[in-house]
Structure formats: C-alpha cells, structure tokens
C-alpha cells in the first residue's frame, strides 16, 4: 500500500511483515508479507527458540520498516552540501546508513 511519508519527498511503499507462529511452541515460525506470501520459514536451532533467534526473527519482520526509516534518516541528514560531498561529518550516521541500504538492496 502506498502512503505519504512526511519529509521523505513523497509516497513511500510500506510493506508490513508479520510473524506467524509462537516462539514458545518450539516449532517453526514464518515471516509473512502484506500479500500473505511466506518470506521465510525458520525452525529453532536446538528445538527451542533462544532469545537471540527470536530477536533475529523480529529484525527480519521489521526489515521493510527499518529500510524506510533509514532512507528517511538519510534524507534528513544535517550535513551541509560541502560536508556531504566530502563524505559527511565524522560523527554523521549517513555513510553507515547508505552501506546498510546497499546491503538490503543487494
């Protein structure tokens, strides 16, 4: 579904993903996209879900939202044009955000 993202320069595609399944059941869970398709299915490593495995599944489910947030944050960079052209200020997050966006896009 297309929604307006204030400060992002126009419409942005929001694709909410959700987790299907219960982590306390020791069974596989799935990440489902907004169309109902399975993005991935993961079983717990040792038959029970460890905290870090649950956290990773939640990050996967949040990935589309995180990508939108990173893109918005990059557009909100407070560096001047000269600072941007020279690689941003040393404490600016944008170079790291651009690397993460590139990884997400493949």
N, C-alpha and C. Protein backbone atom coordinates (compact mmCIF):
# COMPACT_ATOMS: atom_id res chain seq x y z
N UNK A 1 0.84 -1.15 0.00
CA UNK A 1 0.00 0.00 0.00
C UNK A 1 0.89 1.22 0.00
N UNK A 2 0.54 2.22 -0.75
CA UNK A 2 1.34 3.42 -0.84
C UNK A 2 0.80 4.46 0.13
N UNK A 3 1.67 5.02 0.93
CA UNK A 3 1.29 6.05 1.89
C UNK A 3 2.27 7.20 1.76
N UNK A 4 1.86 8.37 2.23
CA UNK A 4 2.76 9.51 2.20
C UNK A 4 3.66 9.47 3.42
N UNK A 5 4.92 9.71 3.19
CA UNK A 5 5.90 9.74 4.28
C UNK A 5 6.37 11.18 4.44
N UNK A 6 5.90 11.91 5.47
CA UNK A 6 6.32 13.30 5.64
C UNK A 6 7.84 13.41 5.72
N UNK A 7 8.39 14.32 4.95
CA UNK A 7 9.82 14.54 4.96
C UNK A 7 10.60 13.61 4.06
N UNK A 8 9.92 12.63 3.45
CA UNK A 8 10.61 11.67 2.57
C UNK A 8 10.55 12.09 1.11
N UNK A 9 9.84 13.16 0.82
CA UNK A 9 9.76 13.61 -0.56
C UNK A 9 8.66 12.94 -1.36
N UNK A 10 7.65 12.43 -0.72
CA UNK A 10 6.53 11.88 -1.46
C UNK A 10 6.11 10.52 -0.97
N UNK A 11 5.39 9.79 -1.84
CA UNK A 11 4.88 8.49 -1.43
C UNK A 11 6.00 7.48 -1.22
N UNK A 12 5.81 6.63 -0.25
CA UNK A 12 6.77 5.56 0.04
C UNK A 12 5.97 4.28 0.17
N UNK A 13 6.52 3.18 -0.31
CA UNK A 13 5.85 1.89 -0.23
C UNK A 13 6.12 1.27 1.14
N UNK A 14 5.07 1.12 1.93
CA UNK A 14 5.19 0.45 3.22
C UNK A 14 4.71 -0.98 3.03
N UNK A 15 5.54 -1.93 3.38
CA UNK A 15 5.19 -3.34 3.23
C UNK A 15 5.31 -4.00 4.60
N UNK A 16 4.23 -3.96 5.38
CA UNK A 16 4.32 -4.55 6.72
C UNK A 16 4.45 -6.07 6.65
N UNK A 17 5.39 -6.60 7.38
CA UNK A 17 5.57 -8.04 7.51
C UNK A 17 5.18 -8.42 8.93
N UNK A 18 4.78 -9.66 9.11
CA UNK A 18 4.40 -10.12 10.44
C UNK A 18 4.95 -11.52 10.68
N UNK A 19 5.02 -11.89 11.94
CA UNK A 19 5.47 -13.21 12.34
C UNK A 19 4.24 -14.08 12.58
N UNK A 20 4.23 -15.26 11.97
CA UNK A 20 3.17 -16.24 12.20
C UNK A 20 3.77 -17.41 12.96
N UNK A 21 3.15 -17.78 14.06
CA UNK A 21 3.64 -18.88 14.88
C UNK A 21 3.99 -18.38 16.27
N UNK A 22 4.26 -19.32 17.14
CA UNK A 22 4.56 -19.00 18.54
C UNK A 22 5.98 -19.45 18.87
N UNK A 23 6.74 -18.57 19.47
CA UNK A 23 8.11 -18.91 19.83
C UNK A 23 8.18 -19.90 20.99
N UNK A 24 7.14 -19.97 21.79
CA UNK A 24 7.19 -20.88 22.93
C UNK A 24 6.81 -22.31 22.56
N UNK A 25 6.42 -22.53 21.32
CA UNK A 25 5.98 -23.87 20.90
C UNK A 25 7.15 -24.74 20.43
N UNK A 26 8.32 -24.18 20.20
CA UNK A 26 9.44 -24.97 19.70
C UNK A 26 9.24 -25.41 18.26
N UNK A 27 8.34 -24.75 17.56
CA UNK A 27 8.04 -25.08 16.17
C UNK A 27 8.54 -23.95 15.27
N UNK A 28 8.53 -24.22 13.97
CA UNK A 28 8.93 -23.21 13.01
C UNK A 28 7.97 -22.03 13.04
N UNK A 29 8.51 -20.85 12.77
CA UNK A 29 7.69 -19.66 12.58
C UNK A 29 7.96 -19.13 11.19
N UNK A 30 7.03 -18.34 10.69
CA UNK A 30 7.15 -17.79 9.34
C UNK A 30 7.04 -16.27 9.40
N UNK A 31 7.72 -15.64 8.48
CA UNK A 31 7.54 -14.21 8.25
C UNK A 31 6.63 -14.12 7.04
N UNK A 32 5.52 -13.39 7.20
CA UNK A 32 4.51 -13.26 6.15
C UNK A 32 4.49 -11.81 5.67
N UNK A 33 4.47 -11.61 4.35
CA UNK A 33 4.41 -10.25 3.84
C UNK A 33 2.97 -9.76 3.75
N UNK A 34 2.79 -8.53 3.27
CA UNK A 34 1.47 -7.92 3.25
C UNK A 34 0.50 -8.60 2.29
N UNK A 35 1.02 -9.40 1.36
CA UNK A 35 0.14 -10.12 0.43
C UNK A 35 -0.22 -11.51 0.93
N UNK A 36 0.36 -11.89 2.07
CA UNK A 36 0.10 -13.21 2.63
C UNK A 36 1.12 -14.26 2.21
N UNK A 37 2.12 -13.86 1.42
CA UNK A 37 3.16 -14.80 0.99
C UNK A 37 4.18 -15.00 2.10
N UNK A 38 4.75 -16.20 2.15
CA UNK A 38 5.78 -16.51 3.14
C UNK A 38 7.11 -15.94 2.64
N UNK A 39 7.70 -15.08 3.44
CA UNK A 39 9.02 -14.52 3.13
C UNK A 39 10.09 -15.52 3.53
N UNK A 40 9.95 -16.11 4.72
CA UNK A 40 10.87 -17.14 5.16
C UNK A 40 10.21 -17.97 6.26
N UNK A 41 10.74 -19.16 6.42
CA UNK A 41 10.28 -20.08 7.47
C UNK A 41 11.53 -20.55 8.19
N UNK A 42 11.52 -20.45 9.51
CA UNK A 42 12.71 -20.78 10.29
C UNK A 42 12.32 -21.68 11.46
N UNK A 43 13.13 -22.72 11.65
CA UNK A 43 12.97 -23.60 12.80
C UNK A 43 13.94 -23.18 13.89
N UNK A 44 13.61 -23.40 15.15
CA UNK A 44 14.57 -23.11 16.21
C UNK A 44 15.79 -24.03 16.06
N UNK A 45 16.96 -23.51 16.38
CA UNK A 45 18.20 -24.24 16.15
C UNK A 45 18.27 -25.55 16.94
N UNK A 46 17.96 -25.52 18.21
CA UNK A 46 18.07 -26.72 19.05
C UNK A 46 16.71 -27.20 19.56
N UNK A 47 15.66 -26.98 18.78
CA UNK A 47 14.34 -27.42 19.18
C UNK A 47 13.58 -26.45 20.05
N UNK A 48 14.27 -25.46 20.60
CA UNK A 48 13.63 -24.40 21.38
C UNK A 48 14.20 -23.07 20.92
N UNK A 49 13.36 -22.05 20.96
CA UNK A 49 13.78 -20.74 20.50
C UNK A 49 14.66 -20.06 21.55
N UNK A 50 15.88 -19.70 21.16
CA UNK A 50 16.76 -18.92 22.02
C UNK A 50 16.42 -17.44 21.84
N UNK A 51 16.75 -16.64 22.84
CA UNK A 51 16.43 -15.21 22.79
C UNK A 51 17.02 -14.54 21.55
N UNK A 52 18.26 -14.88 21.19
CA UNK A 52 18.87 -14.25 20.01
C UNK A 52 18.18 -14.67 18.72
N UNK A 53 17.67 -15.89 18.66
CA UNK A 53 16.93 -16.33 17.47
C UNK A 53 15.61 -15.56 17.34
N UNK A 54 14.95 -15.36 18.45
CA UNK A 54 13.70 -14.59 18.44
C UNK A 54 13.98 -13.16 18.00
N UNK A 55 15.04 -12.58 18.52
CA UNK A 55 15.41 -11.21 18.15
C UNK A 55 15.69 -11.11 16.65
N UNK A 56 16.39 -12.09 16.10
CA UNK A 56 16.68 -12.07 14.66
C UNK A 56 15.40 -12.17 13.83
N UNK A 57 14.47 -13.00 14.25
CA UNK A 57 13.20 -13.11 13.53
C UNK A 57 12.44 -11.78 13.58
N UNK A 58 12.50 -11.11 14.70
CA UNK A 58 11.82 -9.82 14.82
C UNK A 58 12.48 -8.76 13.94
N UNK A 59 13.80 -8.82 13.83
CA UNK A 59 14.51 -7.89 12.93
C UNK A 59 14.12 -8.17 11.48
N UNK A 60 14.03 -9.44 11.10
CA UNK A 60 13.61 -9.78 9.74
C UNK A 60 12.21 -9.24 9.48
N UNK A 61 11.30 -9.43 10.42
CA UNK A 61 9.93 -8.95 10.25
C UNK A 61 9.88 -7.43 10.15
N UNK A 62 10.79 -6.75 10.82
CA UNK A 62 10.82 -5.29 10.81
C UNK A 62 11.64 -4.73 9.64
N UNK A 63 12.29 -5.57 8.85
CA UNK A 63 13.22 -5.11 7.81
C UNK A 63 12.62 -4.07 6.86
N UNK A 64 11.43 -4.26 6.31
CA UNK A 64 10.90 -3.22 5.41
C UNK A 64 10.72 -1.88 6.12
N UNK A 65 10.25 -1.90 7.36
CA UNK A 65 10.09 -0.66 8.12
C UNK A 65 11.44 -0.02 8.41
N UNK A 66 12.43 -0.84 8.74
CA UNK A 66 13.77 -0.32 9.01
C UNK A 66 14.38 0.33 7.77
N UNK A 67 14.15 -0.27 6.61
CA UNK A 67 14.68 0.29 5.36
C UNK A 67 14.05 1.65 5.07
N UNK A 68 12.74 1.77 5.25
CA UNK A 68 12.06 3.05 5.06
C UNK A 68 12.61 4.09 6.04
N UNK A 69 12.80 3.70 7.29
CA UNK A 69 13.32 4.62 8.30
C UNK A 69 14.74 5.08 7.96
N UNK A 70 15.58 4.15 7.47
CA UNK A 70 16.94 4.53 7.09
C UNK A 70 16.93 5.52 5.93
N UNK A 71 16.09 5.24 4.94
CA UNK A 71 16.01 6.16 3.79
C UNK A 71 15.58 7.55 4.24
N UNK A 72 14.60 7.63 5.14
CA UNK A 72 14.14 8.91 5.65
C UNK A 72 15.25 9.60 6.43
N UNK A 73 15.95 8.84 7.25
CA UNK A 73 17.04 9.42 8.05
C UNK A 73 18.14 9.98 7.15
N UNK A 74 18.45 9.29 6.07
CA UNK A 74 19.47 9.78 5.14
C UNK A 74 19.03 11.12 4.54
N UNK A 75 17.74 11.21 4.19
CA UNK A 75 17.24 12.47 3.62
C UNK A 75 17.26 13.60 4.65
N UNK A 76 17.18 13.26 5.93
CA UNK A 76 17.16 14.26 6.99
C UNK A 76 18.56 14.63 7.48
N UNK A 77 19.59 14.17 6.82
CA UNK A 77 20.97 14.47 7.22
C UNK A 77 21.16 15.98 7.34
N UNK A 78 21.82 16.39 8.39
CA UNK A 78 22.02 17.82 8.65
C UNK A 78 23.37 18.34 8.15
N UNK A 79 24.14 17.50 7.48
CA UNK A 79 25.42 17.95 6.93
C UNK A 79 25.16 18.94 5.79
N UNK A 80 26.07 19.90 5.65
CA UNK A 80 25.96 20.85 4.54
C UNK A 80 26.33 20.13 3.24
N UNK A 81 26.04 20.77 2.12
CA UNK A 81 26.37 20.19 0.82
C UNK A 81 27.86 19.90 0.72
N UNK A 82 28.69 20.81 1.18
CA UNK A 82 30.14 20.61 1.13
C UNK A 82 30.54 19.41 2.00
N UNK A 83 29.95 19.30 3.18
CA UNK A 83 30.25 18.16 4.06
C UNK A 83 29.80 16.85 3.43
N UNK A 84 28.65 16.86 2.78
CA UNK A 84 28.16 15.64 2.11
C UNK A 84 29.09 15.23 0.98
N UNK A 85 29.53 16.20 0.20
CA UNK A 85 30.41 15.90 -0.93
C UNK A 85 31.76 15.38 -0.48
N UNK A 86 32.19 15.73 0.74
CA UNK A 86 33.48 15.27 1.23
C UNK A 86 33.35 14.05 2.14
N UNK A 87 32.16 13.44 2.18
CA UNK A 87 31.99 12.20 2.93
C UNK A 87 31.28 12.36 4.26
N UNK A 88 30.67 13.51 4.51
CA UNK A 88 29.90 13.79 5.73
C UNK A 88 30.82 14.06 6.92
N UNK A 89 30.24 14.57 7.96
CA UNK A 89 30.98 14.81 9.20
C UNK A 89 31.39 13.48 9.80
N UNK A 90 32.42 13.48 10.62
CA UNK A 90 32.95 12.23 11.17
C UNK A 90 31.93 11.48 12.02
N UNK A 91 31.02 12.21 12.70
CA UNK A 91 30.03 11.55 13.55
C UNK A 91 28.68 11.38 12.86
N UNK A 92 28.61 11.64 11.58
CA UNK A 92 27.36 11.50 10.83
C UNK A 92 27.07 10.02 10.56
N UNK A 93 25.82 9.65 10.70
CA UNK A 93 25.38 8.26 10.52
C UNK A 93 25.18 7.89 9.05
N UNK A 94 25.09 8.86 8.16
CA UNK A 94 24.68 8.61 6.78
C UNK A 94 25.58 7.61 6.05
N UNK A 95 26.90 7.71 6.12
CA UNK A 95 27.71 6.71 5.40
C UNK A 95 27.37 5.27 5.81
N UNK A 96 27.20 5.03 7.10
CA UNK A 96 26.83 3.69 7.58
C UNK A 96 25.43 3.32 7.11
N UNK A 97 24.52 4.28 7.14
CA UNK A 97 23.15 4.02 6.68
C UNK A 97 23.13 3.67 5.20
N UNK A 98 23.93 4.35 4.39
CA UNK A 98 23.99 4.05 2.96
C UNK A 98 24.55 2.65 2.71
N UNK A 99 25.50 2.23 3.51
CA UNK A 99 26.04 0.86 3.39
C UNK A 99 24.95 -0.15 3.72
N UNK A 100 24.19 0.10 4.78
CA UNK A 100 23.11 -0.82 5.18
C UNK A 100 22.02 -0.87 4.10
N UNK A 101 21.69 0.27 3.52
CA UNK A 101 20.69 0.31 2.44
C UNK A 101 21.18 -0.48 1.24
N UNK A 102 22.45 -0.31 0.90
CA UNK A 102 23.02 -1.05 -0.24
C UNK A 102 22.98 -2.56 0.02
N UNK A 103 23.27 -3.00 1.23
CA UNK A 103 23.18 -4.42 1.57
C UNK A 103 21.76 -4.92 1.42
N UNK A 104 20.80 -4.13 1.87
CA UNK A 104 19.39 -4.52 1.78
C UNK A 104 18.93 -4.64 0.33
N UNK A 105 19.45 -3.79 -0.52
CA UNK A 105 19.03 -3.79 -1.94
C UNK A 105 19.77 -4.86 -2.75
N UNK A 106 20.87 -5.36 -2.22
CA UNK A 106 21.61 -6.42 -2.90
C UNK A 106 22.60 -6.01 -3.90
